[in-house]
Amino acid sequence: MNSLFQPDPVVIGFLFARKFLWLEMLALLALARAIGGPGKARALALGALALCLAGIATTFSPALGLNGGPLYASAAQVMAQGGGMLAALVPSAVLVASGLVRDARWRWIDVVHGVALVAFLWVWWWIS
């Protein structure tokens, strides 16, 4: 019997994944695309990687005691927009753009990202 004070495990799992797993996974995929991609695909992948690393740094800054300055305050506001989904979906969109470049290599990155993105958006829809 679930009560008001006992949230659904799917909600807890989604919140955990959005905060601590999504950007890290995207960063690894973007790094792989940056290593194996030519020209424009590499540039877009590096942009996605930079966005992911900025989000990861913002997430873990309070644990490291680096949350006192105006840069952290601005980054935390950006990370909180849209319930935190904006910070999760913008780097994902940049990674999608890197896969749409004509001569992008390693299409397995697009498959892994596509499956993960569909699952991520489906769970977000499910709990909304």
N, C-alpha and C. Protein backbone atom coordinates (compact mmCIF):
# COMPACT_ATOMS: atom_id res chain seq x y z
N MET A 1 0.84 -1.18 0.00
CA MET A 1 0.00 0.00 0.00
C MET A 1 0.89 1.24 0.00
N ASN A 2 0.80 2.04 -1.04
CA ASN A 2 1.58 3.26 -1.13
C ASN A 2 0.84 4.40 -0.46
N SER A 3 1.58 5.19 0.24
CA SER A 3 0.99 6.37 0.86
C SER A 3 1.51 7.61 0.15
N LEU A 4 1.04 8.74 0.60
CA LEU A 4 1.44 10.01 0.01
C LEU A 4 2.94 10.25 0.19
N PHE A 5 3.49 9.73 1.28
CA PHE A 5 4.89 9.98 1.59
C PHE A 5 5.82 8.91 1.05
N GLN A 6 5.29 8.00 0.25
CA GLN A 6 6.10 6.94 -0.34
C GLN A 6 5.96 7.02 -1.86
N PRO A 7 6.84 7.76 -2.53
CA PRO A 7 6.69 7.96 -3.98
C PRO A 7 6.94 6.67 -4.76
N ASP A 8 6.44 6.67 -5.97
CA ASP A 8 6.60 5.54 -6.87
C ASP A 8 8.09 5.33 -7.18
N PRO A 9 8.57 4.09 -7.15
CA PRO A 9 9.98 3.84 -7.45
C PRO A 9 10.40 4.28 -8.86
N VAL A 10 9.46 4.30 -9.80
CA VAL A 10 9.78 4.77 -11.15
C VAL A 10 10.15 6.25 -11.12
N VAL A 11 9.42 7.02 -10.33
CA VAL A 11 9.71 8.46 -10.21
C VAL A 11 11.09 8.66 -9.58
N ILE A 12 11.37 7.92 -8.53
CA ILE A 12 12.67 8.04 -7.87
C ILE A 12 13.80 7.64 -8.83
N GLY A 13 13.59 6.56 -9.56
CA GLY A 13 14.60 6.12 -10.52
C GLY A 13 14.84 7.13 -11.62
N PHE A 14 13.75 7.73 -12.12
CA PHE A 14 13.90 8.74 -13.17
C PHE A 14 14.65 9.96 -12.66
N LEU A 15 14.29 10.43 -11.48
CA LEU A 15 14.97 11.61 -10.93
C LEU A 15 16.45 11.33 -10.72
N PHE A 16 16.77 10.13 -10.24
CA PHE A 16 18.17 9.75 -10.06
C PHE A 16 18.90 9.70 -11.40
N ALA A 17 18.28 9.08 -12.39
CA ALA A 17 18.91 8.96 -13.71
C ALA A 17 19.11 10.32 -14.35
N ARG A 18 18.11 11.19 -14.24
CA ARG A 18 18.23 12.52 -14.84
C ARG A 18 19.35 13.32 -14.20
N LYS A 19 19.50 13.18 -12.89
CA LYS A 19 20.48 14.00 -12.19
C LYS A 19 21.89 13.42 -12.24
N PHE A 20 22.02 12.10 -12.15
CA PHE A 20 23.34 11.51 -11.97
C PHE A 20 23.81 10.57 -13.07
N LEU A 21 22.97 10.23 -14.04
CA LEU A 21 23.39 9.28 -15.06
C LEU A 21 23.32 9.82 -16.48
N TRP A 22 22.31 10.64 -16.77
CA TRP A 22 22.06 11.05 -18.15
C TRP A 22 23.22 11.85 -18.76
N LEU A 23 23.64 12.89 -18.08
CA LEU A 23 24.72 13.73 -18.63
C LEU A 23 26.04 12.96 -18.71
N GLU A 24 26.27 12.06 -17.77
CA GLU A 24 27.49 11.27 -17.80
C GLU A 24 27.49 10.34 -19.01
N MET A 25 26.34 9.71 -19.29
CA MET A 25 26.24 8.84 -20.45
C MET A 25 26.41 9.64 -21.74
N LEU A 26 25.76 10.80 -21.81
CA LEU A 26 25.90 11.65 -22.99
C LEU A 26 27.35 12.11 -23.18
N ALA A 27 28.02 12.41 -22.08
CA ALA A 27 29.42 12.84 -22.18
C ALA A 27 30.29 11.73 -22.77
N LEU A 28 30.05 10.49 -22.37
CA LEU A 28 30.83 9.37 -22.93
C LEU A 28 30.53 9.19 -24.41
N LEU A 29 29.26 9.29 -24.80
CA LEU A 29 28.91 9.16 -26.21
C LEU A 29 29.48 10.31 -27.03
N ALA A 30 29.42 11.53 -26.48
CA ALA A 30 29.98 12.69 -27.19
C ALA A 30 31.49 12.57 -27.32
N LEU A 31 32.14 12.05 -26.29
CA LEU A 31 33.59 11.84 -26.37
C LEU A 31 33.93 10.82 -27.45
N ALA A 32 33.15 9.75 -27.51
CA ALA A 32 33.39 8.75 -28.56
C ALA A 32 33.20 9.36 -29.95
N ARG A 33 32.15 10.17 -30.12
CA ARG A 33 31.91 10.81 -31.42
C ARG A 33 33.03 11.81 -31.73
N ALA A 34 33.53 12.52 -30.71
CA ALA A 34 34.62 13.48 -30.93
C ALA A 34 35.91 12.76 -31.34
N ILE A 35 36.13 11.58 -30.79
CA ILE A 35 37.33 10.81 -31.15
C ILE A 35 37.22 10.27 -32.57
N GLY A 36 36.05 9.75 -32.92
CA GLY A 36 35.92 9.08 -34.20
C GLY A 36 35.28 9.88 -35.30
N GLY A 37 34.79 11.06 -34.99
CA GLY A 37 34.08 11.84 -36.00
C GLY A 37 34.96 12.84 -36.70
N PRO A 38 34.68 13.10 -37.97
CA PRO A 38 35.44 14.09 -38.71
C PRO A 38 34.79 15.48 -38.66
N GLY A 39 35.55 16.51 -38.80
CA GLY A 39 35.09 17.88 -39.03
C GLY A 39 33.93 18.37 -38.20
N LYS A 40 32.80 18.59 -38.87
CA LYS A 40 31.62 19.16 -38.22
C LYS A 40 31.05 18.24 -37.16
N ALA A 41 31.08 16.94 -37.40
CA ALA A 41 30.58 15.99 -36.40
C ALA A 41 31.41 16.09 -35.13
N ARG A 42 32.73 16.22 -35.28
CA ARG A 42 33.60 16.36 -34.12
C ARG A 42 33.33 17.67 -33.38
N ALA A 43 33.14 18.76 -34.11
CA ALA A 43 32.89 20.05 -33.47
C ALA A 43 31.58 20.02 -32.68
N LEU A 44 30.54 19.46 -33.27
CA LEU A 44 29.26 19.36 -32.55
C LEU A 44 29.38 18.43 -31.35
N ALA A 45 30.11 17.33 -31.50
CA ALA A 45 30.30 16.41 -30.38
C ALA A 45 31.07 17.08 -29.25
N LEU A 46 32.06 17.89 -29.59
CA LEU A 46 32.80 18.62 -28.56
C LEU A 46 31.91 19.64 -27.87
N GLY A 47 30.99 20.25 -28.62
CA GLY A 47 30.02 21.16 -28.00
C GLY A 47 29.11 20.42 -27.03
N ALA A 48 28.62 19.25 -27.44
CA ALA A 48 27.79 18.44 -26.55
C ALA A 48 28.58 18.01 -25.32
N LEU A 49 29.84 17.64 -25.53
CA LEU A 49 30.69 17.24 -24.41
C LEU A 49 30.90 18.40 -23.44
N ALA A 50 31.13 19.60 -23.96
CA ALA A 50 31.31 20.77 -23.10
C ALA A 50 30.05 21.06 -22.29
N LEU A 51 28.89 20.96 -22.92
CA LEU A 51 27.63 21.17 -22.20
C LEU A 51 27.44 20.12 -21.11
N CYS A 52 27.75 18.87 -21.43
CA CYS A 52 27.62 17.80 -20.44
C CYS A 52 28.57 18.02 -19.27
N LEU A 53 29.81 18.37 -19.56
CA LEU A 53 30.78 18.59 -18.49
C LEU A 53 30.40 19.78 -17.62
N ALA A 54 29.83 20.82 -18.23
CA ALA A 54 29.37 21.97 -17.44
C ALA A 54 28.22 21.55 -16.53
N GLY A 55 27.31 20.73 -17.04
CA GLY A 55 26.20 20.25 -16.22
C GLY A 55 26.67 19.34 -15.10
N ILE A 56 27.63 18.47 -15.39
CA ILE A 56 28.17 17.58 -14.36
C ILE A 56 28.88 18.39 -13.29
N ALA A 57 29.65 19.39 -13.70
CA ALA A 57 30.35 20.24 -12.73
C ALA A 57 29.35 20.99 -11.86
N THR A 58 28.27 21.47 -12.45
CA THR A 58 27.25 22.17 -11.67
C THR A 58 26.57 21.23 -10.68
N THR A 59 26.35 20.00 -11.08
CA THR A 59 25.70 19.03 -10.19
C THR A 59 26.56 18.72 -8.98
N PHE A 60 27.86 18.55 -9.19
CA PHE A 60 28.73 18.12 -8.10
C PHE A 60 29.48 19.25 -7.40
N SER A 61 29.28 20.50 -7.82
CA SER A 61 29.94 21.63 -7.17
C SER A 61 29.59 21.78 -5.69
N PRO A 62 28.32 21.62 -5.29
CA PRO A 62 28.03 21.75 -3.86
C PRO A 62 28.76 20.72 -3.00
N ALA A 63 28.93 19.51 -3.50
CA ALA A 63 29.63 18.48 -2.73
C ALA A 63 31.10 18.83 -2.55
N LEU A 64 31.64 19.60 -3.48
CA LEU A 64 33.05 20.00 -3.41
C LEU A 64 33.24 21.36 -2.75
N GLY A 65 32.15 21.99 -2.35
CA GLY A 65 32.22 23.30 -1.71
C GLY A 65 32.49 24.43 -2.67
N LEU A 66 32.16 24.24 -3.95
CA LEU A 66 32.44 25.25 -4.96
C LEU A 66 31.18 25.98 -5.41
N ASN A 67 30.26 26.17 -4.50
CA ASN A 67 28.98 26.75 -4.88
C ASN A 67 28.77 28.15 -4.32
N GLY A 68 29.83 28.90 -4.11
CA GLY A 68 29.69 30.21 -3.52
C GLY A 68 29.67 31.36 -4.51
N GLY A 69 30.10 31.16 -5.71
CA GLY A 69 30.26 32.27 -6.63
C GLY A 69 29.08 32.50 -7.54
N PRO A 70 29.13 33.61 -8.28
CA PRO A 70 28.04 33.93 -9.20
C PRO A 70 27.97 32.98 -10.40
N LEU A 71 29.09 32.40 -10.80
CA LEU A 71 29.07 31.45 -11.92
C LEU A 71 28.24 30.23 -11.56
N TYR A 72 28.41 29.72 -10.33
CA TYR A 72 27.61 28.57 -9.91
C TYR A 72 26.14 28.93 -9.84
N ALA A 73 25.83 30.12 -9.32
CA ALA A 73 24.42 30.53 -9.20
C ALA A 73 23.76 30.59 -10.58
N SER A 74 24.46 31.14 -11.55
CA SER A 74 23.91 31.20 -12.91
C SER A 74 23.75 29.81 -13.50
N ALA A 75 24.75 28.97 -13.32
CA ALA A 75 24.69 27.61 -13.86
C ALA A 75 23.58 26.81 -13.20
N ALA A 76 23.39 26.98 -11.90
CA ALA A 76 22.33 26.25 -11.20
C ALA A 76 20.95 26.71 -11.67
N GLN A 77 20.80 27.99 -11.98
CA GLN A 77 19.52 28.46 -12.51
C GLN A 77 19.24 27.86 -13.88
N VAL A 78 20.25 27.77 -14.71
CA VAL A 78 20.07 27.15 -16.03
C VAL A 78 19.73 25.67 -15.87
N MET A 79 20.41 24.99 -14.95
CA MET A 79 20.16 23.57 -14.73
C MET A 79 18.75 23.31 -14.20
N ALA A 80 18.16 24.28 -13.51
CA ALA A 80 16.84 24.09 -12.92
C ALA A 80 15.70 24.43 -13.88
N GLN A 81 16.00 25.06 -14.99
CA GLN A 81 14.93 25.45 -15.92
C GLN A 81 14.24 24.23 -16.49
N GLY A 82 12.94 24.33 -16.60
CA GLY A 82 12.16 23.22 -17.14
C GLY A 82 12.19 22.00 -16.25
N GLY A 83 12.32 22.19 -14.97
CA GLY A 83 12.39 21.06 -14.05
C GLY A 83 13.65 20.23 -14.22
N GLY A 84 14.67 20.81 -14.79
CA GLY A 84 15.92 20.10 -15.01
C GLY A 84 16.01 19.40 -16.36
N MET A 85 14.91 19.40 -17.10
CA MET A 85 14.91 18.70 -18.38
C MET A 85 15.63 19.49 -19.47
N LEU A 86 15.65 20.80 -19.37
CA LEU A 86 16.34 21.60 -20.38
C LEU A 86 17.83 21.25 -20.41
N ALA A 87 18.42 21.14 -19.23
CA ALA A 87 19.84 20.80 -19.15
C ALA A 87 20.11 19.38 -19.62
N ALA A 88 19.11 18.52 -19.59
CA ALA A 88 19.29 17.15 -20.07
C ALA A 88 19.09 17.04 -21.57
N LEU A 89 18.20 17.85 -22.12
CA LEU A 89 17.83 17.69 -23.52
C LEU A 89 18.67 18.53 -24.49
N VAL A 90 19.20 19.66 -24.06
CA VAL A 90 20.00 20.49 -24.97
C VAL A 90 21.28 19.77 -25.41
N PRO A 91 22.07 19.20 -24.49
CA PRO A 91 23.25 18.46 -24.98
C PRO A 91 22.86 17.25 -25.84
N SER A 92 21.72 16.66 -25.53
CA SER A 92 21.24 15.54 -26.34
C SER A 92 20.91 16.00 -27.75
N ALA A 93 20.30 17.17 -27.88
CA ALA A 93 19.98 17.71 -29.21
C ALA A 93 21.25 18.01 -30.00
N VAL A 94 22.28 18.51 -29.33
CA VAL A 94 23.55 18.79 -30.01
C VAL A 94 24.20 17.48 -30.46
N LEU A 95 24.09 16.43 -29.64
CA LEU A 95 24.63 15.13 -30.04
C LEU A 95 23.85 14.55 -31.21
N VAL A 96 22.54 14.75 -31.24
CA VAL A 96 21.74 14.32 -32.39
C VAL A 96 22.21 15.06 -33.64
N ALA A 97 22.46 16.37 -33.51
CA ALA A 97 22.93 17.15 -34.65
C ALA A 97 24.27 16.63 -35.15
N SER A 98 25.13 16.19 -34.24
CA SER A 98 26.42 15.64 -34.69
C SER A 98 26.24 14.34 -35.46
N GLY A 99 25.18 13.62 -35.18
CA GLY A 99 24.91 12.40 -35.92
C GLY A 99 24.26 12.64 -37.27
N LEU A 100 23.67 13.81 -37.45
CA LEU A 100 23.02 14.14 -38.71
C LEU A 100 23.98 14.67 -39.77
N VAL A 101 25.21 14.94 -39.37
CA VAL A 101 26.22 15.37 -40.32
C VAL A 101 26.49 14.22 -41.29
N ARG A 102 26.61 14.55 -42.55
CA ARG A 102 26.68 13.53 -43.61
C ARG A 102 27.79 12.51 -43.41
N ASP A 103 28.98 12.96 -43.06
CA ASP A 103 30.11 12.03 -42.98
C ASP A 103 30.44 11.59 -41.55
N ALA A 104 29.47 11.66 -40.66
CA ALA A 104 29.70 11.20 -39.28
C ALA A 104 29.93 9.69 -39.29
N ARG A 105 30.86 9.26 -38.47
CA ARG A 105 31.18 7.83 -38.38
C ARG A 105 30.62 7.26 -37.09
N TRP A 106 30.79 5.98 -36.93
CA TRP A 106 30.41 5.25 -35.74
C TRP A 106 28.93 5.44 -35.43
N ARG A 107 28.10 4.94 -36.30
CA ARG A 107 26.65 5.08 -36.16
C ARG A 107 26.09 4.35 -34.95
N TRP A 108 26.87 3.47 -34.35
CA TRP A 108 26.39 2.81 -33.14
C TRP A 108 26.14 3.84 -32.04
N ILE A 109 26.86 4.95 -32.07
CA ILE A 109 26.64 6.01 -31.09
C ILE A 109 25.22 6.55 -31.24
N ASP A 110 24.78 6.74 -32.48
CA ASP A 110 23.43 7.23 -32.72
C ASP A 110 22.38 6.23 -32.27
N VAL A 111 22.65 4.95 -32.47
CA VAL A 111 21.70 3.92 -32.05
C VAL A 111 21.57 3.89 -30.53
N VAL A 112 22.70 3.88 -29.84
CA VAL A 112 22.67 3.87 -28.37
C VAL A 112 21.99 5.13 -27.85
N HIS A 113 22.34 6.27 -28.41
CA HIS A 113 21.74 7.52 -27.97
C HIS A 113 20.26 7.55 -28.27
N GLY A 114 19.86 7.09 -29.45
CA GLY A 114 18.45 7.09 -29.82
C GLY A 114 17.61 6.22 -28.90
N VAL A 115 18.09 5.02 -28.61
CA VAL A 115 17.35 4.12 -27.71
C VAL A 115 17.26 4.73 -26.31
N ALA A 116 18.37 5.26 -25.81
CA ALA A 116 18.37 5.87 -24.49
C ALA A 116 17.46 7.10 -24.45
N LEU A 117 17.47 7.90 -25.50
CA LEU A 117 16.64 9.10 -25.54
C LEU A 117 15.16 8.75 -25.58
N VAL A 118 14.79 7.76 -26.38
CA VAL A 118 13.39 7.34 -26.42
C VAL A 118 12.95 6.82 -25.06
N ALA A 119 13.78 6.01 -24.42
CA ALA A 119 13.44 5.50 -23.09
C ALA A 119 13.33 6.63 -22.07
N PHE A 120 14.27 7.56 -22.13
CA PHE A 120 14.27 8.70 -21.21
C PHE A 120 13.01 9.55 -21.37
N LEU A 121 12.65 9.86 -22.61
CA LEU A 121 11.46 10.67 -22.87
C LEU A 121 10.18 9.91 -22.53
N TRP A 122 10.17 8.60 -22.76
CA TRP A 122 8.99 7.80 -22.43
C TRP A 122 8.76 7.77 -20.93
N VAL A 123 9.81 7.57 -20.15
CA VAL A 123 9.66 7.57 -18.69
C VAL A 123 9.26 8.95 -18.21
N TRP A 124 9.80 10.00 -18.80
CA TRP A 124 9.40 11.36 -18.43
C TRP A 124 7.91 11.56 -18.69
N TRP A 125 7.44 11.11 -19.85
CA TRP A 125 6.02 11.21 -20.17
C TRP A 125 5.20 10.38 -19.19
N TRP A 126 5.68 9.19 -18.85
CA TRP A 126 4.96 8.27 -17.98
C TRP A 126 4.74 8.87 -16.60
N ILE A 127 5.74 9.54 -16.06
CA ILE A 127 5.60 10.06 -14.70
C ILE A 127 4.98 11.45 -14.66
N SER A 128 4.83 12.10 -15.80
CA SER A 128 4.25 13.45 -15.82
C SER A 128 2.76 13.42 -15.67
